[in-house]
Amino acid sequence: MRTGTKDLPSVICIEGLKKSFGKNNVLNGLNLDLKEGENVVVLGKSGSGKSVLIKCIIGLMDLDSGNIQVFGEDVPRFSPSDLDKMRTKVGFLFQSNALYDSMTVRENLEFPLRRHWIKITKKEIDDMVTEALTSVGLAETIDMMPSELSGGMKKRIALARTLILKPKIILYDEPTTGLDPITAKEISKLMVEIQKKYNTSSIIISHDLNCVKITSNRIIMLIDGICYATGTYAELSMSTDERIKQFFD
């Protein structure tokens, strides 16, 4: 864990989270605590419930039992309007990037601003779009179409769109999937830069061990639907537990 985070407030607190699909028990009483300014990576096998977890956090999926608190408020009790307000503070980076192909980069970034904010001037929108693009090093792409961008550039634009509302929390779903090793490393480093610059707290879902090593302050091992183990990359990579070792071999 990053120095000093232990005594910082929790921005996400999950207790006893259970979620099943028919007879498939995906999450079996998971507990997770995310501190202010901390990057937590959730590491687990495919189908272990990692993406289900973050969908439950932002209210895209209902939980069966347990509780999720974001900024001290119970997410399961949120009304649709409460969820919309919460999502302005919680950014979500989709694995597929989810850029709109028919929109320019500028229009993609303007979309969340126009959706969430009623009163905002054109100059304010322009300034926020420019700031977000500059943060990911792609200010020159503002009038380009997604089809003109490389895979790494699309990921950066998607991250810029996530940043535009200045979220306090960012949820990353497999942020380096489909990228070549060099680009994946660049995106991982950018995630750390964003954490430091904006003091964001993040939950990162990843299979990419290089990404895990670069971005994580702490790792949660999601096995059998629970937090099976937690620790730093160095601590867990040295574990003698066979169920943990398989991820680092």
C-alpha atoms as a PDB file:
ATOM      1  CA  MET A   1       0.000   0.000   0.000  1.00  0.00           C
ATOM      2  CA  ARG A   2       1.199   3.505  -0.750  1.00  0.00           C
ATOM      3  CA  THR A   3       2.825   5.158   2.237  1.00  0.00           C
ATOM      4  CA  GLY A   4       0.222   6.925   4.371  1.00  0.00           C
ATOM      5  CA  THR A   5      -2.914   5.431   2.768  1.00  0.00           C
ATOM      6  CA  LYS A   6      -3.618   3.171   5.762  1.00  0.00           C
ATOM      7  CA  ASP A   7      -4.868   6.124   7.822  1.00  0.00           C
ATOM      8  CA  LEU A   8      -6.715   7.828   4.961  1.00  0.00           C
ATOM      9  CA  PRO A   9     -10.513   7.629   4.603  1.00  0.00           C
ATOM     10  CA  SER A  10     -12.131   4.903   2.521  1.00  0.00           C
ATOM     11  CA  VAL A  11     -13.789   6.054  -0.705  1.00  0.00           C
ATOM     12  CA  ILE A  12     -15.247   2.610  -1.433  1.00  0.00           C
ATOM     13  CA  CYS A  13     -16.184   0.084   1.247  1.00  0.00           C
ATOM     14  CA  ILE A  14     -17.650  -3.291   0.246  1.00  0.00           C
ATOM     15  CA  GLU A  15     -18.925  -5.731   2.853  1.00  0.00           C
ATOM     16  CA  GLY A  16     -20.228  -9.254   2.279  1.00  0.00           C
ATOM     17  CA  LEU A  17     -20.995  -8.732  -1.422  1.00  0.00           C
ATOM     18  CA  LYS A  18     -22.806 -11.685  -2.964  1.00  0.00           C
ATOM     19  CA  LYS A  19     -23.895 -12.029  -6.587  1.00  0.00           C
ATOM     20  CA  SER A  20     -25.128 -15.157  -8.338  1.00  0.00           C
ATOM     21  CA  PHE A  21     -26.411 -15.977 -11.804  1.00  0.00           C
ATOM     22  CA  GLY A  22     -28.694 -18.950 -11.415  1.00  0.00           C
ATOM     23  CA  LYS A  23     -26.667 -21.635  -9.665  1.00  0.00           C
ATOM     24  CA  ASN A  24     -23.374 -19.898 -10.463  1.00  0.00           C
ATOM     25  CA  ASN A  25     -22.214 -18.122  -7.292  1.00  0.00           C
ATOM     26  CA  VAL A  26     -19.809 -15.520  -8.647  1.00  0.00           C
ATOM     27  CA  LEU A  27     -19.212 -13.341  -5.578  1.00  0.00           C
ATOM     28  CA  ASN A  28     -19.509 -15.130  -2.233  1.00  0.00           C
ATOM     29  CA  GLY A  29     -19.253 -12.480   0.459  1.00  0.00           C
ATOM     30  CA  LEU A  30     -16.455 -10.308  -0.865  1.00  0.00           C
ATOM     31  CA  ASN A  31     -14.990  -7.551   1.310  1.00  0.00           C
ATOM     32  CA  LEU A  32     -12.940  -4.724  -0.204  1.00  0.00           C
ATOM     33  CA  ASP A  33     -11.767  -1.351   1.054  1.00  0.00           C
ATOM     34  CA  LEU A  34     -10.345   1.336  -1.259  1.00  0.00           C
ATOM     35  CA  LYS A  35      -8.519   4.224   0.396  1.00  0.00           C
ATOM     36  CA  GLU A  36      -8.262   7.779  -0.864  1.00  0.00           C
ATOM     37  CA  GLY A  37      -5.435   8.100  -3.411  1.00  0.00           C
ATOM     38  CA  GLU A  38      -4.857   4.339  -3.651  1.00  0.00           C
ATOM     39  CA  ASN A  39      -4.674   2.045  -6.684  1.00  0.00           C
ATOM     40  CA  VAL A  40      -6.029  -1.437  -5.954  1.00  0.00           C
ATOM     41  CA  VAL A  41      -5.706  -4.132  -8.617  1.00  0.00           C
ATOM     42  CA  VAL A  42      -8.188  -7.006  -8.567  1.00  0.00           C
ATOM     43  CA  LEU A  43      -6.481 -10.113  -9.910  1.00  0.00           C
ATOM     44  CA  GLY A  44      -8.359 -13.313 -10.701  1.00  0.00           C
ATOM     45  CA  LYS A  45      -9.076 -15.896 -13.374  1.00  0.00           C
ATOM     46  CA  SER A  46     -11.481 -15.241 -16.237  1.00  0.00           C
ATOM     47  CA  GLY A  47     -15.031 -15.630 -14.986  1.00  0.00           C
ATOM     48  CA  SER A  48     -14.049 -15.053 -11.370  1.00  0.00           C
ATOM     49  CA  GLY A  49     -16.327 -12.015 -11.023  1.00  0.00           C
ATOM     50  CA  LYS A  50     -13.930  -9.093 -11.517  1.00  0.00           C
ATOM     51  CA  SER A  51     -16.069  -7.215 -14.031  1.00  0.00           C
ATOM     52  CA  VAL A  52     -19.228  -8.102 -12.083  1.00  0.00           C
ATOM     53  CA  LEU A  53     -17.653  -6.424  -9.064  1.00  0.00           C
ATOM     54  CA  ILE A  54     -17.092  -3.065 -10.735  1.00  0.00           C
ATOM     55  CA  LYS A  55     -20.522  -3.152 -12.402  1.00  0.00           C
ATOM     56  CA  CYS A  56     -22.058  -3.595  -8.947  1.00  0.00           C
ATOM     57  CA  ILE A  57     -20.038  -0.648  -7.623  1.00  0.00           C
ATOM     58  CA  ILE A  58     -21.487   1.793 -10.152  1.00  0.00           C
ATOM     59  CA  GLY A  59     -24.996   0.374 -10.046  1.00  0.00           C
ATOM     60  CA  LEU A  60     -25.018  -1.265 -13.472  1.00  0.00           C
ATOM     61  CA  MET A  61     -25.812  -4.554 -11.755  1.00  0.00           C
ATOM     62  CA  ASP A  62     -27.827  -5.251  -8.592  1.00  0.00           C
ATOM     63  CA  LEU A  63     -26.202  -7.203  -5.777  1.00  0.00           C
ATOM     64  CA  ASP A  64     -27.954 -10.137  -4.088  1.00  0.00           C
ATOM     65  CA  SER A  65     -26.785  -9.249  -0.582  1.00  0.00           C
ATOM     66  CA  GLY A  66     -24.123  -7.316   1.285  1.00  0.00           C
ATOM     67  CA  ASN A  67     -23.459  -3.619   0.891  1.00  0.00           C
ATOM     68  CA  ILE A  68     -21.402  -1.175  -1.163  1.00  0.00           C
ATOM     69  CA  GLN A  69     -20.608   2.297   0.080  1.00  0.00           C
ATOM     70  CA  VAL A  70     -19.151   4.974  -2.203  1.00  0.00           C
ATOM     71  CA  PHE A  71     -18.078   8.143  -0.403  1.00  0.00           C
ATOM     72  CA  GLY A  72     -19.922   6.843   2.672  1.00  0.00           C
ATOM     73  CA  GLU A  73     -23.288   6.380   0.943  1.00  0.00           C
ATOM     74  CA  ASP A  74     -25.076   3.063   0.323  1.00  0.00           C
ATOM     75  CA  VAL A  75     -25.178   2.400  -3.426  1.00  0.00           C
ATOM     76  CA  PRO A  76     -28.026  -0.199  -3.246  1.00  0.00           C
ATOM     77  CA  ARG A  77     -30.296   2.514  -1.829  1.00  0.00           C
ATOM     78  CA  PHE A  78     -29.575   5.016  -4.590  1.00  0.00           C
ATOM     79  CA  SER A  79     -32.389   6.220  -6.827  1.00  0.00           C
ATOM     80  CA  PRO A  80     -31.661   6.534 -10.577  1.00  0.00           C
ATOM     81  CA  SER A  81     -30.923  10.253 -10.097  1.00  0.00           C
ATOM     82  CA  ASP A  82     -28.608   9.454  -7.159  1.00  0.00           C
ATOM     83  CA  LEU A  83     -26.743   6.980  -9.370  1.00  0.00           C
ATOM     84  CA  ASP A  84     -26.310   9.622 -12.077  1.00  0.00           C
ATOM     85  CA  LYS A  85     -24.837  12.046  -9.539  1.00  0.00           C
ATOM     86  CA  MET A  86     -22.503   9.377  -8.166  1.00  0.00           C
ATOM     87  CA  ARG A  87     -21.289   8.504 -11.672  1.00  0.00           C
ATOM     88  CA  THR A  88     -20.057  12.062 -12.191  1.00  0.00           C
ATOM     89  CA  LYS A  89     -17.556  11.318  -9.404  1.00  0.00           C
ATOM     90  CA  VAL A  90     -16.716   7.775 -10.524  1.00  0.00           C
ATOM     91  CA  GLY A  91     -15.081   7.356 -13.923  1.00  0.00           C
ATOM     92  CA  PHE A  92     -15.324   4.043 -15.784  1.00  0.00           C
ATOM     93  CA  LEU A  93     -12.785   3.057 -18.434  1.00  0.00           C
ATOM     94  CA  PHE A  94     -14.364   0.328 -20.560  1.00  0.00           C
ATOM     95  CA  GLN A  95     -12.260  -2.530 -21.881  1.00  0.00           C
ATOM     96  CA  SER A  96     -13.548  -1.803 -25.400  1.00  0.00           C
ATOM     97  CA  ASN A  97     -12.978   1.987 -24.993  1.00  0.00           C
ATOM     98  CA  ALA A  98     -16.644   2.569 -26.023  1.00  0.00           C
ATOM     99  CA  LEU A  99     -15.873   5.552 -28.233  1.00  0.00           C
ATOM    100  CA  TYR A 100     -18.648   6.674 -30.576  1.00  0.00           C
ATOM    101  CA  ASP A 101     -17.415   5.958 -34.113  1.00  0.00           C
ATOM    102  CA  SER A 102     -19.611   8.648 -35.676  1.00  0.00           C
ATOM    103  CA  MET A 103     -18.274  11.394 -33.392  1.00  0.00           C
ATOM    104  CA  THR A 104     -14.978  13.256 -33.495  1.00  0.00           C
ATOM    105  CA  VAL A 105     -12.631  13.091 -30.512  1.00  0.00           C
ATOM    106  CA  ARG A 106     -13.951  16.494 -29.427  1.00  0.00           C
ATOM    107  CA  GLU A 107     -17.569  15.295 -29.602  1.00  0.00           C
ATOM    108  CA  ASN A 108     -16.750  12.088 -27.710  1.00  0.00           C
ATOM    109  CA  LEU A 109     -15.303  14.130 -24.860  1.00  0.00           C
ATOM    110  CA  GLU A 110     -18.144  16.654 -24.909  1.00  0.00           C
ATOM    111  CA  PHE A 111     -20.756  13.916 -24.567  1.00  0.00           C
ATOM    112  CA  PRO A 112     -20.490  13.299 -20.776  1.00  0.00           C
ATOM    113  CA  LEU A 113     -20.380  17.055 -20.137  1.00  0.00           C
ATOM    114  CA  ARG A 114     -23.588  17.666 -22.055  1.00  0.00           C
ATOM    115  CA  ARG A 115     -25.246  14.660 -20.447  1.00  0.00           C
ATOM    116  CA  HIS A 116     -24.454  15.459 -16.818  1.00  0.00           C
ATOM    117  CA  TRP A 117     -24.257  19.245 -16.671  1.00  0.00           C
ATOM    118  CA  ILE A 118     -27.169  21.519 -17.543  1.00  0.00           C
ATOM    119  CA  LYS A 119     -25.506  24.919 -17.231  1.00  0.00           C
ATOM    120  CA  ILE A 120     -22.095  25.083 -18.857  1.00  0.00           C
ATOM    121  CA  THR A 121     -20.759  27.521 -21.440  1.00  0.00           C
ATOM    122  CA  LYS A 122     -19.166  26.566 -24.736  1.00  0.00           C
ATOM    123  CA  LYS A 123     -15.860  28.072 -23.580  1.00  0.00           C
ATOM    124  CA  GLU A 124     -15.931  25.979 -20.408  1.00  0.00           C
ATOM    125  CA  ILE A 125     -16.582  22.862 -22.491  1.00  0.00           C
ATOM    126  CA  ASP A 126     -13.739  23.742 -24.880  1.00  0.00           C
ATOM    127  CA  ASP A 127     -11.342  24.359 -21.978  1.00  0.00           C
ATOM    128  CA  MET A 128     -12.246  21.060 -20.273  1.00  0.00           C
ATOM    129  CA  VAL A 129     -11.866  19.068 -23.494  1.00  0.00           C
ATOM    130  CA  THR A 130      -8.456  20.638 -24.133  1.00  0.00           C
ATOM    131  CA  GLU A 131      -7.308  19.990 -20.557  1.00  0.00           C
ATOM    132  CA  ALA A 132      -8.387  16.344 -20.668  1.00  0.00           C
ATOM    133  CA  LEU A 133      -6.681  15.713 -24.012  1.00  0.00           C
ATOM    134  CA  THR A 134      -3.515  17.465 -22.839  1.00  0.00           C
ATOM    135  CA  SER A 135      -3.483  15.221 -19.741  1.00  0.00           C
ATOM    136  CA  VAL A 136      -3.161  12.161 -21.980  1.00  0.00           C
ATOM    137  CA  GLY A 137      -0.779  13.814 -24.457  1.00  0.00           C
ATOM    138  CA  LEU A 138      -3.160  13.932 -27.428  1.00  0.00           C
ATOM    139  CA  ALA A 139      -4.320  17.540 -27.773  1.00  0.00           C
ATOM    140  CA  GLU A 140      -3.613  17.415 -31.516  1.00  0.00           C
ATOM    141  CA  THR A 141      -6.254  14.695 -32.103  1.00  0.00           C
ATOM    142  CA  ILE A 142      -9.207  16.894 -31.104  1.00  0.00           C
ATOM    143  CA  ASP A 143     -10.859  16.931 -34.559  1.00  0.00           C
ATOM    144  CA  MET A 144      -9.922  13.398 -35.612  1.00  0.00           C
ATOM    145  CA  MET A 145     -12.325  10.457 -35.901  1.00  0.00           C
ATOM    146  CA  PRO A 146     -11.825   7.257 -33.858  1.00  0.00           C
ATOM    147  CA  SER A 147     -11.143   5.348 -37.089  1.00  0.00           C
ATOM    148  CA  GLU A 148      -8.030   7.499 -37.585  1.00  0.00           C
ATOM    149  CA  LEU A 149      -6.548   6.525 -34.210  1.00  0.00           C
ATOM    150  CA  SER A 150      -4.311   3.621 -33.230  1.00  0.00           C
ATOM    151  CA  GLY A 151      -5.343   1.230 -30.463  1.00  0.00           C
ATOM    152  CA  GLY A 152      -3.162   3.031 -27.929  1.00  0.00           C
ATOM    153  CA  MET A 153      -4.508   6.426 -28.969  1.00  0.00           C
ATOM    154  CA  LYS A 154      -8.110   5.194 -28.605  1.00  0.00           C
ATOM    155  CA  LYS A 155      -7.309   4.023 -25.084  1.00  0.00           C
ATOM    156  CA  ARG A 156      -5.850   7.435 -24.224  1.00  0.00           C
ATOM    157  CA  ILE A 157      -8.902   9.212 -25.657  1.00  0.00           C
ATOM    158  CA  ALA A 158     -11.203   6.940 -23.669  1.00  0.00           C
ATOM    159  CA  LEU A 159      -9.166   7.807 -20.572  1.00  0.00           C
ATOM    160  CA  ALA A 160      -9.418  11.520 -21.404  1.00  0.00           C
ATOM    161  CA  ARG A 161     -13.200  11.172 -21.615  1.00  0.00           C
ATOM    162  CA  THR A 162     -13.174   9.466 -18.226  1.00  0.00           C
ATOM    163  CA  LEU A 163     -11.102  12.325 -16.773  1.00  0.00           C
ATOM    164  CA  ILE A 164     -13.196  15.164 -18.152  1.00  0.00           C
ATOM    165  CA  LEU A 165     -15.628  15.174 -15.211  1.00  0.00           C
ATOM    166  CA  LYS A 166     -12.641  15.108 -12.830  1.00  0.00           C
ATOM    167  CA  PRO A 167     -13.722  11.927 -11.040  1.00  0.00           C
ATOM    168  CA  LYS A 168     -12.403  11.119  -7.581  1.00  0.00           C
ATOM    169  CA  ILE A 169     -12.533   7.394  -8.367  1.00  0.00           C
ATOM    170  CA  ILE A 170     -11.649   5.598 -11.619  1.00  0.00           C
ATOM    171  CA  LEU A 171     -12.639   1.997 -12.357  1.00  0.00           C
ATOM    172  CA  TYR A 172     -10.434   0.408 -15.034  1.00  0.00           C
ATOM    173  CA  ASP A 173     -11.680  -2.723 -16.810  1.00  0.00           C
ATOM    174  CA  GLU A 174      -8.688  -4.475 -18.428  1.00  0.00           C
ATOM    175  CA  PRO A 175      -7.027  -1.190 -19.509  1.00  0.00           C
ATOM    176  CA  THR A 176      -4.215  -2.804 -21.516  1.00  0.00           C
ATOM    177  CA  THR A 177      -6.084  -5.638 -23.238  1.00  0.00           C
ATOM    178  CA  GLY A 178      -5.365  -5.803 -26.973  1.00  0.00           C
ATOM    179  CA  LEU A 179      -2.396  -3.451 -26.813  1.00  0.00           C
ATOM    180  CA  ASP A 180       1.178  -4.307 -27.757  1.00  0.00           C
ATOM    181  CA  PRO A 181       3.621  -4.553 -24.804  1.00  0.00           C
ATOM    182  CA  ILE A 182       5.194  -1.115 -25.366  1.00  0.00           C
ATOM    183  CA  THR A 183       1.841   0.687 -25.640  1.00  0.00           C
ATOM    184  CA  ALA A 184       0.485  -1.277 -22.670  1.00  0.00           C
ATOM    185  CA  LYS A 185       3.424  -0.093 -20.589  1.00  0.00           C
ATOM    186  CA  GLU A 186       2.821   3.525 -21.680  1.00  0.00           C
ATOM    187  CA  ILE A 187      -0.859   3.300 -20.666  1.00  0.00           C
ATOM    188  CA  SER A 188       0.095   1.773 -17.304  1.00  0.00           C
ATOM    189  CA  LYS A 189       2.527   4.603 -16.619  1.00  0.00           C
ATOM    190  CA  LEU A 190      -0.096   7.145 -17.667  1.00  0.00           C
ATOM    191  CA  MET A 191      -2.509   5.653 -15.116  1.00  0.00           C
ATOM    192  CA  VAL A 192       0.073   6.234 -12.381  1.00  0.00           C
ATOM    193  CA  GLU A 193       0.677   9.807 -13.593  1.00  0.00           C
ATOM    194  CA  ILE A 194      -3.060  10.478 -13.408  1.00  0.00           C
ATOM    195  CA  GLN A 195      -3.214   9.026  -9.900  1.00  0.00           C
ATOM    196  CA  LYS A 196      -0.450  11.371  -8.758  1.00  0.00           C
ATOM    197  CA  LYS A 197      -1.702  14.459 -10.612  1.00  0.00           C
ATOM    198  CA  TYR A 198      -5.385  14.213  -9.624  1.00  0.00           C
ATOM    199  CA  ASN A 199      -5.082  12.130  -6.420  1.00  0.00           C
ATOM    200  CA  THR A 200      -7.546   9.628  -7.847  1.00  0.00           C
ATOM    201  CA  SER A 201      -8.438   6.344  -6.180  1.00  0.00           C
ATOM    202  CA  SER A 202      -8.746   3.405  -8.557  1.00  0.00           C
ATOM    203  CA  ILE A 203      -9.860  -0.195  -8.797  1.00  0.00           C
ATOM    204  CA  ILE A 204      -8.072  -1.838 -11.707  1.00  0.00           C
ATOM    205  CA  ILE A 205      -9.127  -5.129 -13.285  1.00  0.00           C
ATOM    206  CA  SER A 206      -6.195  -6.640 -15.143  1.00  0.00           C
ATOM    207  CA  HIS A 207      -4.592  -9.896 -16.291  1.00  0.00           C
ATOM    208  CA  ASP A 208      -1.481  -8.044 -17.484  1.00  0.00           C
ATOM    209  CA  LEU A 209       1.206  -8.617 -14.841  1.00  0.00           C
ATOM    210  CA  ASN A 210       3.315  -5.707 -16.106  1.00  0.00           C
ATOM    211  CA  CYS A 211       0.303  -3.414 -15.709  1.00  0.00           C
ATOM    212  CA  VAL A 212      -0.369  -4.886 -12.259  1.00  0.00           C
ATOM    213  CA  LYS A 213       3.224  -4.316 -11.172  1.00  0.00           C
ATOM    214  CA  ILE A 214       3.368  -0.730 -12.463  1.00  0.00           C
ATOM    215  CA  THR A 215      -0.030   0.514 -11.286  1.00  0.00           C
ATOM    216  CA  SER A 216      -0.810  -1.298  -8.042  1.00  0.00           C
ATOM    217  CA  ASN A 217      -0.327   0.000  -4.529  1.00  0.00           C
ATOM    218  CA  ARG A 218      -2.134  -3.124  -3.361  1.00  0.00           C
ATOM    219  CA  ILE A 219      -3.498  -6.276  -4.989  1.00  0.00           C
ATOM    220  CA  ILE A 220      -6.671  -8.198  -4.144  1.00  0.00           C
ATOM    221  CA  MET A 221      -6.662 -11.878  -5.131  1.00  0.00           C
ATOM    222  CA  LEU A 222     -10.233 -12.749  -6.146  1.00  0.00           C
ATOM    223  CA  ILE A 223     -10.557 -16.507  -5.726  1.00  0.00           C
ATOM    224  CA  ASP A 224     -13.769 -18.454  -4.998  1.00  0.00           C
ATOM    225  CA  GLY A 225     -15.707 -15.194  -5.006  1.00  0.00           C
ATOM    226  CA  ILE A 226     -13.904 -13.703  -2.018  1.00  0.00           C
ATOM    227  CA  CYS A 227     -10.833 -11.644  -1.277  1.00  0.00           C
ATOM    228  CA  TYR A 228      -8.590 -14.682  -0.889  1.00  0.00           C
ATOM    229  CA  ALA A 229      -5.444 -12.651  -0.204  1.00  0.00           C
ATOM    230  CA  THR A 230      -4.217  -9.075  -0.319  1.00  0.00           C
ATOM    231  CA  GLY A 231      -0.789  -7.475  -0.406  1.00  0.00           C
ATOM    232  CA  THR A 232       1.711  -5.640  -2.563  1.00  0.00           C
ATOM    233  CA  TYR A 233       3.056  -7.085  -5.810  1.00  0.00           C
ATOM    234  CA  ALA A 234       6.329  -7.945  -4.072  1.00  0.00           C
ATOM    235  CA  GLU A 235       4.559  -9.700  -1.201  1.00  0.00           C
ATOM    236  CA  LEU A 236       2.173 -11.776  -3.298  1.00  0.00           C
ATOM    237  CA  SER A 237       4.726 -12.683  -5.976  1.00  0.00           C
ATOM    238  CA  MET A 238       6.834 -14.299  -3.235  1.00  0.00           C
ATOM    239  CA  SER A 239       3.917 -16.299  -1.787  1.00  0.00           C
ATOM    240  CA  THR A 240       4.291 -20.065  -1.412  1.00  0.00           C
ATOM    241  CA  ASP A 241       0.517 -20.573  -1.668  1.00  0.00           C
ATOM    242  CA  GLU A 242      -0.054 -22.516  -4.900  1.00  0.00           C
ATOM    243  CA  ARG A 243      -3.326 -20.724  -5.622  1.00  0.00           C
ATOM    244  CA  ILE A 244      -1.482 -17.394  -5.557  1.00  0.00           C
ATOM    245  CA  LYS A 245       1.750 -18.580  -7.192  1.00  0.00           C
ATOM    246  CA  GLN A 246      -0.087 -19.613 -10.389  1.00  0.00           C
ATOM    247  CA  PHE A 247      -0.728 -15.961 -11.231  1.00  0.00           C
ATOM    248  CA  PHE A 248       2.952 -15.016 -11.017  1.00  0.00           C
ATOM    249  CA  ASP A 249       4.650 -18.027 -12.628  1.00  0.00           C
END
